[in-house]
């Protein structure tokens, strides 16, 4: 068994443990929120700050980000063209669908994969920043259609702890300042909890999603879900691989990272956006459920092939 497959086996084992914990009622499916909030607001920001502040800036600004941007543009454009021209969907529904087909779970799942499979949590940091600083405010501007000022939309991602922690770490890396061990040790201690917390929450979320999978759908939204899931699970990693391999000439870790990150499932915060704007809720929930179920076997196959 290759090192990549072994690393995936470890990640899957912890996620399965989270599912089992939910199934035997040791924790309730709703407790996923507690674990997720601990990971999102405390542990993962600590991990990102520690990692980015010590990162090699050449690795941080690698061609992997360019492949992700190309893959995002291609999948979003494909969904919007079909949704608007063929199915006459509203702008809000098309926007949520475009996000569901391209916005990856770079925090809860991307960080563990970046750290334990690729050996460097900093590899996922540019994608986190791109999504939070570009995709999120841009989507809000479209969804708001003038109800939120451009300045408010641009500043909103700065309320995200992952963005703030990554930017602070980047500032330290650029300045060359090294914080003393007395400061960094508690940060490293908290960061060490990020991966197990995120994976346990991920497993609990799979069990919770199974409980609600049969909820009634909006009329005609099934094909939107199918299109978004197909683009996210299959088209996006394929575009990322082709771009990285043949357009940029990447190989090794960078090629594996570009393909794996594109194969991550739809991020759960897309459902939060859909609820907030009261559009595309069933589309977002369905795409998250399907891509989450498909992501582990697809990423394991990618790791076994390219690793």
C-alpha atoms as a PDB file:
ATOM      1  CA  UNK A   1       0.000   0.000   0.000  1.00  0.00           C
ATOM      2  CA  UNK A   2       1.445   3.385  -1.013  1.00  0.00           C
ATOM      3  CA  UNK A   3       1.964   6.152   1.500  1.00  0.00           C
ATOM      4  CA  UNK A   4      -0.859   8.170  -0.047  1.00  0.00           C
ATOM      5  CA  UNK A   5      -3.367   5.324   0.219  1.00  0.00           C
ATOM      6  CA  UNK A   6      -2.215   4.623   3.780  1.00  0.00           C
ATOM      7  CA  UNK A   7      -2.767   8.283   4.671  1.00  0.00           C
ATOM      8  CA  UNK A   8      -6.254   8.151   3.172  1.00  0.00           C
ATOM      9  CA  UNK A   9      -6.969   4.982   5.123  1.00  0.00           C
ATOM     10  CA  UNK A  10      -6.126   6.821   8.348  1.00  0.00           C
ATOM     11  CA  UNK A  11      -8.377   9.761   7.440  1.00  0.00           C
ATOM     12  CA  UNK A  12     -11.245   7.505   6.398  1.00  0.00           C
ATOM     13  CA  UNK A  13     -10.911   5.499   9.617  1.00  0.00           C
ATOM     14  CA  UNK A  14     -11.389   8.588  11.783  1.00  0.00           C
ATOM     15  CA  UNK A  15     -14.307   9.790   9.634  1.00  0.00           C
ATOM     16  CA  UNK A  16     -15.911   6.329   9.900  1.00  0.00           C
ATOM     17  CA  UNK A  17     -15.443   6.510  13.668  1.00  0.00           C
ATOM     18  CA  UNK A  18     -17.428   9.753  13.626  1.00  0.00           C
ATOM     19  CA  UNK A  19     -20.198   8.001  11.682  1.00  0.00           C
ATOM     20  CA  UNK A  20     -20.213   5.089  14.132  1.00  0.00           C
ATOM     21  CA  UNK A  21     -20.317   7.468  17.104  1.00  0.00           C
ATOM     22  CA  UNK A  22     -23.457   8.993  15.593  1.00  0.00           C
ATOM     23  CA  UNK A  23     -25.002   5.618  14.759  1.00  0.00           C
ATOM     24  CA  UNK A  24     -24.588   4.244  18.295  1.00  0.00           C
ATOM     25  CA  UNK A  25     -25.894   7.518  19.777  1.00  0.00           C
ATOM     26  CA  UNK A  26     -22.693   8.208  21.718  1.00  0.00           C
ATOM     27  CA  UNK A  27     -23.026  11.658  20.192  1.00  0.00           C
ATOM     28  CA  UNK A  28     -26.106  12.967  18.454  1.00  0.00           C
ATOM     29  CA  UNK A  29     -25.939  13.967  14.807  1.00  0.00           C
ATOM     30  CA  UNK A  30     -26.603  17.529  15.957  1.00  0.00           C
ATOM     31  CA  UNK A  31     -23.403  17.455  18.024  1.00  0.00           C
ATOM     32  CA  UNK A  32     -21.569  17.725  14.724  1.00  0.00           C
ATOM     33  CA  UNK A  33     -22.207  21.462  15.045  1.00  0.00           C
ATOM     34  CA  UNK A  34     -20.206  21.605  18.296  1.00  0.00           C
ATOM     35  CA  UNK A  35     -17.246  19.724  16.811  1.00  0.00           C
ATOM     36  CA  UNK A  36     -17.430  21.744  13.593  1.00  0.00           C
ATOM     37  CA  UNK A  37     -17.475  25.049  15.445  1.00  0.00           C
ATOM     38  CA  UNK A  38     -14.495  24.020  17.577  1.00  0.00           C
ATOM     39  CA  UNK A  39     -12.612  23.010  14.447  1.00  0.00           C
ATOM     40  CA  UNK A  40     -13.695  26.055  12.432  1.00  0.00           C
ATOM     41  CA  UNK A  41     -13.301  28.796  15.013  1.00  0.00           C
ATOM     42  CA  UNK A  42     -10.442  27.496  17.174  1.00  0.00           C
ATOM     43  CA  UNK A  43      -8.369  24.546  16.001  1.00  0.00           C
ATOM     44  CA  UNK A  44      -8.167  25.006  12.229  1.00  0.00           C
ATOM     45  CA  UNK A  45      -7.356  28.748  12.403  1.00  0.00           C
ATOM     46  CA  UNK A  46      -4.537  27.872  14.823  1.00  0.00           C
ATOM     47  CA  UNK A  47      -3.268  25.226  12.402  1.00  0.00           C
ATOM     48  CA  UNK A  48      -3.467  27.587   9.410  1.00  0.00           C
ATOM     49  CA  UNK A  49      -1.727  30.408  11.277  1.00  0.00           C
ATOM     50  CA  UNK A  50       1.122  28.157  12.427  1.00  0.00           C
ATOM     51  CA  UNK A  51       1.476  26.517   9.019  1.00  0.00           C
ATOM     52  CA  UNK A  52       1.315  29.609   6.819  1.00  0.00           C
ATOM     53  CA  UNK A  53       3.579  31.667   9.091  1.00  0.00           C
ATOM     54  CA  UNK A  54       6.311  29.036   8.649  1.00  0.00           C
ATOM     55  CA  UNK A  55       5.579  28.222   5.014  1.00  0.00           C
ATOM     56  CA  UNK A  56       7.910  28.490   2.071  1.00  0.00           C
ATOM     57  CA  UNK A  57       6.322  31.339   0.099  1.00  0.00           C
ATOM     58  CA  UNK A  58       7.258  29.710  -3.208  1.00  0.00           C
ATOM     59  CA  UNK A  59       5.199  26.672  -2.183  1.00  0.00           C
ATOM     60  CA  UNK A  60       2.373  28.875  -0.899  1.00  0.00           C
ATOM     61  CA  UNK A  61       1.986  30.659  -4.244  1.00  0.00           C
ATOM     62  CA  UNK A  62       2.316  27.531  -6.320  1.00  0.00           C
ATOM     63  CA  UNK A  63       0.737  26.764  -9.730  1.00  0.00           C
ATOM     64  CA  UNK A  64      -1.797  24.583  -7.880  1.00  0.00           C
ATOM     65  CA  UNK A  65      -3.922  27.679  -7.293  1.00  0.00           C
ATOM     66  CA  UNK A  66      -4.011  28.485 -11.021  1.00  0.00           C
ATOM     67  CA  UNK A  67      -5.307  25.006 -11.828  1.00  0.00           C
ATOM     68  CA  UNK A  68      -8.063  25.444  -9.243  1.00  0.00           C
ATOM     69  CA  UNK A  69      -9.094  28.805 -10.683  1.00  0.00           C
ATOM     70  CA  UNK A  70      -9.312  27.306 -14.187  1.00  0.00           C
ATOM     71  CA  UNK A  71     -11.345  24.351 -12.899  1.00  0.00           C
ATOM     72  CA  UNK A  72     -13.707  26.632 -10.959  1.00  0.00           C
ATOM     73  CA  UNK A  73     -14.316  28.894 -13.957  1.00  0.00           C
ATOM     74  CA  UNK A  74     -15.006  25.944 -16.269  1.00  0.00           C
ATOM     75  CA  UNK A  75     -17.444  24.169 -13.943  1.00  0.00           C
ATOM     76  CA  UNK A  76     -19.284  27.338 -12.936  1.00  0.00           C
ATOM     77  CA  UNK A  77     -19.628  28.431 -16.551  1.00  0.00           C
ATOM     78  CA  UNK A  78     -20.960  25.009 -17.542  1.00  0.00           C
ATOM     79  CA  UNK A  79     -23.605  25.029 -14.809  1.00  0.00           C
ATOM     80  CA  UNK A  80     -24.727  28.609 -15.451  1.00  0.00           C
ATOM     81  CA  UNK A  81     -25.038  28.071 -19.213  1.00  0.00           C
ATOM     82  CA  UNK A  82     -27.234  24.999 -18.763  1.00  0.00           C
ATOM     83  CA  UNK A  83     -29.252  26.442 -15.861  1.00  0.00           C
ATOM     84  CA  UNK A  84     -29.938  29.820 -17.482  1.00  0.00           C
ATOM     85  CA  UNK A  85     -30.204  28.966 -21.162  1.00  0.00           C
ATOM     86  CA  UNK A  86     -31.732  25.476 -21.112  1.00  0.00           C
ATOM     87  CA  UNK A  87     -33.643  25.371 -17.823  1.00  0.00           C
ATOM     88  CA  UNK A  88     -34.424  29.096 -17.347  1.00  0.00           C
ATOM     89  CA  UNK A  89     -33.431  29.060 -13.689  1.00  0.00           C
ATOM     90  CA  UNK A  90     -33.442  32.240 -11.634  1.00  0.00           C
ATOM     91  CA  UNK A  91     -30.186  34.092 -11.046  1.00  0.00           C
ATOM     92  CA  UNK A  92     -30.198  33.034  -7.391  1.00  0.00           C
ATOM     93  CA  UNK A  93     -30.745  29.344  -8.200  1.00  0.00           C
ATOM     94  CA  UNK A  94     -28.059  29.429 -10.898  1.00  0.00           C
ATOM     95  CA  UNK A  95     -25.615  31.126  -8.530  1.00  0.00           C
ATOM     96  CA  UNK A  96     -26.121  28.560  -5.765  1.00  0.00           C
ATOM     97  CA  UNK A  97     -25.787  25.784  -8.345  1.00  0.00           C
ATOM     98  CA  UNK A  98     -22.569  27.270  -9.688  1.00  0.00           C
ATOM     99  CA  UNK A  99     -21.158  27.399  -6.149  1.00  0.00           C
ATOM    100  CA  UNK A 100     -22.331  23.850  -5.412  1.00  0.00           C
ATOM    101  CA  UNK A 101     -20.513  22.624  -8.532  1.00  0.00           C
ATOM    102  CA  UNK A 102     -17.177  24.280  -7.699  1.00  0.00           C
ATOM    103  CA  UNK A 103     -16.761  25.548  -4.105  1.00  0.00           C
ATOM    104  CA  UNK A 104     -14.714  22.868  -2.357  1.00  0.00           C
ATOM    105  CA  UNK A 105     -14.622  21.903   1.317  1.00  0.00           C
ATOM    106  CA  UNK A 106     -11.082  23.234   1.704  1.00  0.00           C
ATOM    107  CA  UNK A 107     -11.372  23.766   5.459  1.00  0.00           C
ATOM    108  CA  UNK A 108     -12.900  20.727   7.137  1.00  0.00           C
ATOM    109  CA  UNK A 109     -11.595  18.154   4.638  1.00  0.00           C
ATOM    110  CA  UNK A 110      -8.977  20.010   2.592  1.00  0.00           C
ATOM    111  CA  UNK A 111      -6.744  20.788   5.580  1.00  0.00           C
ATOM    112  CA  UNK A 112      -6.532  17.149   6.784  1.00  0.00           C
ATOM    113  CA  UNK A 113      -5.806  15.932   3.245  1.00  0.00           C
ATOM    114  CA  UNK A 114      -3.222  18.658   2.682  1.00  0.00           C
ATOM    115  CA  UNK A 115      -1.480  17.821   5.955  1.00  0.00           C
ATOM    116  CA  UNK A 116      -1.685  14.026   6.148  1.00  0.00           C
ATOM    117  CA  UNK A 117      -1.716  13.030   2.479  1.00  0.00           C
ATOM    118  CA  UNK A 118       0.446  15.740   0.900  1.00  0.00           C
ATOM    119  CA  UNK A 119       2.549  16.495   3.964  1.00  0.00           C
ATOM    120  CA  UNK A 120       2.069  20.286   3.909  1.00  0.00           C
ATOM    121  CA  UNK A 121      -1.043  22.057   5.194  1.00  0.00           C
ATOM    122  CA  UNK A 122       0.105  25.271   3.482  1.00  0.00           C
ATOM    123  CA  UNK A 123      -0.741  23.824   0.066  1.00  0.00           C
ATOM    124  CA  UNK A 124      -4.462  24.337   0.659  1.00  0.00           C
ATOM    125  CA  UNK A 125      -4.113  27.878   2.060  1.00  0.00           C
ATOM    126  CA  UNK A 126      -4.213  29.700  -1.330  1.00  0.00           C
ATOM    127  CA  UNK A 127      -7.432  27.881  -2.227  1.00  0.00           C
ATOM    128  CA  UNK A 128      -9.018  28.815   1.099  1.00  0.00           C
ATOM    129  CA  UNK A 129      -8.105  32.452   0.531  1.00  0.00           C
ATOM    130  CA  UNK A 130      -9.299  32.429  -3.094  1.00  0.00           C
ATOM    131  CA  UNK A 131     -12.682  31.030  -2.113  1.00  0.00           C
ATOM    132  CA  UNK A 132     -13.154  33.308   0.884  1.00  0.00           C
ATOM    133  CA  UNK A 133     -11.773  36.520  -0.641  1.00  0.00           C
ATOM    134  CA  UNK A 134     -12.928  36.162  -4.266  1.00  0.00           C
ATOM    135  CA  UNK A 135     -15.683  33.582  -4.735  1.00  0.00           C
ATOM    136  CA  UNK A 136     -17.664  34.405  -1.592  1.00  0.00           C
ATOM    137  CA  UNK A 137     -17.943  38.211  -1.941  1.00  0.00           C
ATOM    138  CA  UNK A 138     -18.454  37.908  -5.698  1.00  0.00           C
ATOM    139  CA  UNK A 139     -21.327  35.477  -5.163  1.00  0.00           C
ATOM    140  CA  UNK A 140     -22.844  37.702  -2.485  1.00  0.00           C
ATOM    141  CA  UNK A 141     -22.845  40.640  -4.882  1.00  0.00           C
ATOM    142  CA  UNK A 142     -24.773  38.563  -7.425  1.00  0.00           C
ATOM    143  CA  UNK A 143     -27.191  37.157  -4.830  1.00  0.00           C
ATOM    144  CA  UNK A 144     -27.802  40.552  -3.256  1.00  0.00           C
ATOM    145  CA  UNK A 145     -28.247  42.310  -6.607  1.00  0.00           C
ATOM    146  CA  UNK A 146     -27.589  45.664  -5.028  1.00  0.00           C
ATOM    147  CA  UNK A 147     -29.010  45.127  -1.545  1.00  0.00           C
ATOM    148  CA  UNK A 148     -25.521  44.848  -0.046  1.00  0.00           C
ATOM    149  CA  UNK A 149     -22.817  47.414  -0.786  1.00  0.00           C
ATOM    150  CA  UNK A 150     -19.693  46.270  -2.572  1.00  0.00           C
ATOM    151  CA  UNK A 151     -17.624  47.336   0.446  1.00  0.00           C
ATOM    152  CA  UNK A 152     -19.731  45.230   2.839  1.00  0.00           C
ATOM    153  CA  UNK A 153     -19.495  42.183   0.587  1.00  0.00           C
ATOM    154  CA  UNK A 154     -15.736  42.530   0.255  1.00  0.00           C
ATOM    155  CA  UNK A 155     -15.247  42.896   4.013  1.00  0.00           C
ATOM    156  CA  UNK A 156     -17.538  39.989   4.954  1.00  0.00           C
ATOM    157  CA  UNK A 157     -14.917  37.237   4.389  1.00  0.00           C
ATOM    158  CA  UNK A 158     -12.655  38.992   6.909  1.00  0.00           C
ATOM    159  CA  UNK A 159     -15.071  37.815   9.596  1.00  0.00           C
ATOM    160  CA  UNK A 160     -14.061  34.267   8.719  1.00  0.00           C
ATOM    161  CA  UNK A 161     -11.433  32.991  11.209  1.00  0.00           C
ATOM    162  CA  UNK A 162      -9.690  30.853   8.582  1.00  0.00           C
ATOM    163  CA  UNK A 163      -9.192  33.902   6.375  1.00  0.00           C
ATOM    164  CA  UNK A 164      -7.941  36.072   9.230  1.00  0.00           C
ATOM    165  CA  UNK A 165      -5.589  33.382  10.553  1.00  0.00           C
ATOM    166  CA  UNK A 166      -4.191  32.668   7.081  1.00  0.00           C
ATOM    167  CA  UNK A 167      -3.664  36.373   6.354  1.00  0.00           C
ATOM    168  CA  UNK A 168      -1.927  36.924   9.705  1.00  0.00           C
ATOM    169  CA  UNK A 169       0.307  33.940   9.052  1.00  0.00           C
ATOM    170  CA  UNK A 170       1.043  35.241   5.563  1.00  0.00           C
ATOM    171  CA  UNK A 171       1.983  38.633   6.987  1.00  0.00           C
ATOM    172  CA  UNK A 172       4.481  36.959   9.331  1.00  0.00           C
ATOM    173  CA  UNK A 173       5.919  34.839   6.538  1.00  0.00           C
ATOM    174  CA  UNK A 174       6.379  37.902   4.311  1.00  0.00           C
ATOM    175  CA  UNK A 175       7.950  39.934   7.113  1.00  0.00           C
ATOM    176  CA  UNK A 176      10.325  37.190   8.195  1.00  0.00           C
ATOM    177  CA  UNK A 177       9.304  37.638  11.837  1.00  0.00           C
ATOM    178  CA  UNK A 178       9.462  34.502  13.997  1.00  0.00           C
ATOM    179  CA  UNK A 179       7.307  34.381  17.110  1.00  0.00           C
ATOM    180  CA  UNK A 180       8.836  32.922  20.288  1.00  0.00           C
ATOM    181  CA  UNK A 181       8.163  29.325  21.264  1.00  0.00           C
ATOM    182  CA  UNK A 182       6.146  30.437  24.297  1.00  0.00           C
ATOM    183  CA  UNK A 183       3.619  31.962  21.881  1.00  0.00           C
ATOM    184  CA  UNK A 184       3.660  29.237  19.242  1.00  0.00           C
ATOM    185  CA  UNK A 185       3.451  26.182  21.507  1.00  0.00           C
ATOM    186  CA  UNK A 186      -0.194  26.723  22.572  1.00  0.00           C
ATOM    187  CA  UNK A 187      -1.026  27.594  18.956  1.00  0.00           C
ATOM    188  CA  UNK A 188       0.548  24.316  17.790  1.00  0.00           C
ATOM    189  CA  UNK A 189      -1.277  22.431  20.553  1.00  0.00           C
ATOM    190  CA  UNK A 190      -4.631  23.793  19.417  1.00  0.00           C
ATOM    191  CA  UNK A 191      -3.757  23.205  15.765  1.00  0.00           C
ATOM    192  CA  UNK A 192      -3.080  19.558  16.509  1.00  0.00           C
ATOM    193  CA  UNK A 193      -6.765  19.101  17.342  1.00  0.00           C
ATOM    194  CA  UNK A 194      -7.953  20.465  13.979  1.00  0.00           C
ATOM    195  CA  UNK A 195      -7.727  17.286  11.913  1.00  0.00           C
ATOM    196  CA  UNK A 196      -9.378  14.806  14.331  1.00  0.00           C
ATOM    197  CA  UNK A 197     -12.123  17.299  15.209  1.00  0.00           C
ATOM    198  CA  UNK A 198     -12.838  18.018  11.539  1.00  0.00           C
ATOM    199  CA  UNK A 199     -12.892  14.348  10.571  1.00  0.00           C
ATOM    200  CA  UNK A 200     -15.117  13.305  13.480  1.00  0.00           C
ATOM    201  CA  UNK A 201     -17.515  16.128  12.591  1.00  0.00           C
ATOM    202  CA  UNK A 202     -17.390  15.033   8.948  1.00  0.00           C
ATOM    203  CA  UNK A 203     -18.334  11.479   9.908  1.00  0.00           C
ATOM    204  CA  UNK A 204     -21.169  12.708  12.116  1.00  0.00           C
ATOM    205  CA  UNK A 205     -22.406  14.901   9.260  1.00  0.00           C
ATOM    206  CA  UNK A 206     -22.563  11.854   6.967  1.00  0.00           C
ATOM    207  CA  UNK A 207     -24.787  10.093   9.485  1.00  0.00           C
ATOM    208  CA  UNK A 208     -26.934  13.205   9.911  1.00  0.00           C
ATOM    209  CA  UNK A 209     -27.229  13.641   6.144  1.00  0.00           C
ATOM    210  CA  UNK A 210     -28.478  10.056   5.831  1.00  0.00           C
ATOM    211  CA  UNK A 211     -31.253  10.910   8.240  1.00  0.00           C
ATOM    212  CA  UNK A 212     -32.514  13.772   6.058  1.00  0.00           C
ATOM    213  CA  UNK A 213     -31.765  12.445   2.586  1.00  0.00           C
ATOM    214  CA  UNK A 214     -35.407  11.652   1.860  1.00  0.00           C
ATOM    215  CA  UNK A 215     -36.683  15.203   2.399  1.00  0.00           C
ATOM    216  CA  UNK A 216     -39.060  16.387  -0.373  1.00  0.00           C
ATOM    217  CA  UNK A 217     -37.388  18.264  -3.216  1.00  0.00           C
ATOM    218  CA  UNK A 218     -38.506  21.392  -5.011  1.00  0.00           C
ATOM    219  CA  UNK A 219     -40.126  20.687  -8.340  1.00  0.00           C
ATOM    220  CA  UNK A 220     -37.558  19.967 -11.029  1.00  0.00           C
ATOM    221  CA  UNK A 221     -34.518  20.524  -8.836  1.00  0.00           C
ATOM    222  CA  UNK A 222     -33.336  16.927  -9.152  1.00  0.00           C
ATOM    223  CA  UNK A 223     -31.590  17.553 -12.462  1.00  0.00           C
ATOM    224  CA  UNK A 224     -29.922  20.669 -11.033  1.00  0.00           C
ATOM    225  CA  UNK A 225     -28.535  18.514  -8.214  1.00  0.00           C
ATOM    226  CA  UNK A 226     -27.389  15.850 -10.663  1.00  0.00           C
ATOM    227  CA  UNK A 227     -25.632  18.414 -12.866  1.00  0.00           C
ATOM    228  CA  UNK A 228     -23.935  20.175  -9.934  1.00  0.00           C
ATOM    229  CA  UNK A 229     -22.817  16.863  -8.414  1.00  0.00           C
ATOM    230  CA  UNK A 230     -21.470  15.540 -11.722  1.00  0.00           C
ATOM    231  CA  UNK A 231     -19.541  18.735 -12.403  1.00  0.00           C
ATOM    232  CA  UNK A 232     -18.137  18.834  -8.880  1.00  0.00           C
ATOM    233  CA  UNK A 233     -17.253  15.174  -8.465  1.00  0.00           C
ATOM    234  CA  UNK A 234     -15.996  14.371 -11.967  1.00  0.00           C
ATOM    235  CA  UNK A 235     -15.581  17.402 -14.247  1.00  0.00           C
ATOM    236  CA  UNK A 236     -13.732  19.693 -11.825  1.00  0.00           C
ATOM    237  CA  UNK A 237     -10.945  17.224 -10.922  1.00  0.00           C
ATOM    238  CA  UNK A 238     -10.663  16.219 -14.588  1.00  0.00           C
ATOM    239  CA  UNK A 239     -10.211  19.841 -15.676  1.00  0.00           C
ATOM    240  CA  UNK A 240      -7.719  20.434 -12.855  1.00  0.00           C
ATOM    241  CA  UNK A 241      -5.707  17.366 -13.842  1.00  0.00           C
ATOM    242  CA  UNK A 242      -5.628  18.269 -17.537  1.00  0.00           C
ATOM    243  CA  UNK A 243      -4.673  21.864 -16.773  1.00  0.00           C
ATOM    244  CA  UNK A 244      -1.962  20.879 -14.309  1.00  0.00           C
ATOM    245  CA  UNK A 245      -0.540  18.022 -16.376  1.00  0.00           C
ATOM    246  CA  UNK A 246      -0.659  19.355 -19.924  1.00  0.00           C
ATOM    247  CA  UNK A 247      -0.991  23.148 -19.693  1.00  0.00           C
ATOM    248  CA  UNK A 248       1.352  23.753 -16.744  1.00  0.00           C
ATOM    249  CA  UNK A 249       3.484  20.612 -16.963  1.00  0.00           C
ATOM    250  CA  UNK A 250       3.099  19.762 -13.273  1.00  0.00           C
ATOM    251  CA  UNK A 251       3.921  16.377 -11.821  1.00  0.00           C
ATOM    252  CA  UNK A 252       4.541  14.764  -8.455  1.00  0.00           C
ATOM    253  CA  UNK A 253       3.083  16.453  -5.393  1.00  0.00           C
ATOM    254  CA  UNK A 254       1.782  19.503  -7.257  1.00  0.00           C
ATOM    255  CA  UNK A 255      -0.131  17.392  -9.779  1.00  0.00           C
ATOM    256  CA  UNK A 256      -1.572  15.240  -6.997  1.00  0.00           C
ATOM    257  CA  UNK A 257      -2.494  18.303  -4.918  1.00  0.00           C
ATOM    258  CA  UNK A 258      -4.214  20.073  -7.811  1.00  0.00           C
ATOM    259  CA  UNK A 259      -6.316  17.009  -8.644  1.00  0.00           C
ATOM    260  CA  UNK A 260      -7.134  16.098  -5.034  1.00  0.00           C
ATOM    261  CA  UNK A 261      -8.201  19.615  -4.064  1.00  0.00           C
ATOM    262  CA  UNK A 262     -10.504  19.819  -7.085  1.00  0.00           C
ATOM    263  CA  UNK A 263     -12.062  16.482  -6.060  1.00  0.00           C
ATOM    264  CA  UNK A 264     -13.021  17.729  -2.594  1.00  0.00           C
ATOM    265  CA  UNK A 265     -16.801  17.713  -2.012  1.00  0.00           C
ATOM    266  CA  UNK A 266     -19.009  20.782  -2.025  1.00  0.00           C
ATOM    267  CA  UNK A 267     -18.447  22.881   1.085  1.00  0.00           C
ATOM    268  CA  UNK A 268     -21.241  22.844   3.645  1.00  0.00           C
ATOM    269  CA  UNK A 269     -21.324  26.630   3.890  1.00  0.00           C
ATOM    270  CA  UNK A 270     -22.987  26.710   0.454  1.00  0.00           C
ATOM    271  CA  UNK A 271     -26.118  25.479   2.213  1.00  0.00           C
ATOM    272  CA  UNK A 272     -25.736  28.345   4.708  1.00  0.00           C
ATOM    273  CA  UNK A 273     -25.604  30.798   1.801  1.00  0.00           C
ATOM    274  CA  UNK A 274     -28.677  29.202   0.228  1.00  0.00           C
ATOM    275  CA  UNK A 275     -30.641  29.472   3.489  1.00  0.00           C
ATOM    276  CA  UNK A 276     -29.485  33.054   4.032  1.00  0.00           C
ATOM    277  CA  UNK A 277     -30.685  34.145   0.588  1.00  0.00           C
ATOM    278  CA  UNK A 278     -33.688  31.778   0.566  1.00  0.00           C
ATOM    279  CA  UNK A 279     -32.803  30.282  -2.805  1.00  0.00           C
ATOM    280  CA  UNK A 280     -31.517  26.907  -3.950  1.00  0.00           C
ATOM    281  CA  UNK A 281     -31.695  25.275  -0.516  1.00  0.00           C
ATOM    282  CA  UNK A 282     -32.609  21.792  -1.788  1.00  0.00           C
ATOM    283  CA  UNK A 283     -30.069  22.115  -4.584  1.00  0.00           C
ATOM    284  CA  UNK A 284     -27.294  22.972  -2.119  1.00  0.00           C
ATOM    285  CA  UNK A 285     -28.239  20.229   0.342  1.00  0.00           C
ATOM    286  CA  UNK A 286     -28.513  17.570  -2.365  1.00  0.00           C
ATOM    287  CA  UNK A 287     -25.206  18.496  -3.983  1.00  0.00           C
ATOM    288  CA  UNK A 288     -23.400  18.473  -0.631  1.00  0.00           C
ATOM    289  CA  UNK A 289     -24.839  15.055   0.256  1.00  0.00           C
ATOM    290  CA  UNK A 290     -23.978  13.421  -3.089  1.00  0.00           C
ATOM    291  CA  UNK A 291     -20.513  14.919  -3.520  1.00  0.00           C
ATOM    292  CA  UNK A 292     -19.633  14.095   0.077  1.00  0.00           C
ATOM    293  CA  UNK A 293     -20.540  10.460  -0.508  1.00  0.00           C
ATOM    294  CA  UNK A 294     -18.581  10.320  -3.772  1.00  0.00           C
ATOM    295  CA  UNK A 295     -15.521  12.253  -2.628  1.00  0.00           C
ATOM    296  CA  UNK A 296     -13.735   9.644  -0.501  1.00  0.00           C
ATOM    297  CA  UNK A 297     -13.669   6.841  -3.122  1.00  0.00           C
ATOM    298  CA  UNK A 298     -12.789   9.323  -5.878  1.00  0.00           C
ATOM    299  CA  UNK A 299      -9.960  10.934  -3.889  1.00  0.00           C
ATOM    300  CA  UNK A 300      -8.676   7.545  -2.765  1.00  0.00           C
ATOM    301  CA  UNK A 301      -8.541   6.430  -6.409  1.00  0.00           C
ATOM    302  CA  UNK A 302      -6.735   9.663  -7.365  1.00  0.00           C
ATOM    303  CA  UNK A 303      -4.230   9.167  -4.558  1.00  0.00           C
ATOM    304  CA  UNK A 304      -3.592   5.556  -5.542  1.00  0.00           C
ATOM    305  CA  UNK A 305      -3.138   6.510  -9.210  1.00  0.00           C
ATOM    306  CA  UNK A 306      -1.051   9.665  -8.910  1.00  0.00           C
ATOM    307  CA  UNK A 307       0.625   9.018  -5.568  1.00  0.00           C
END
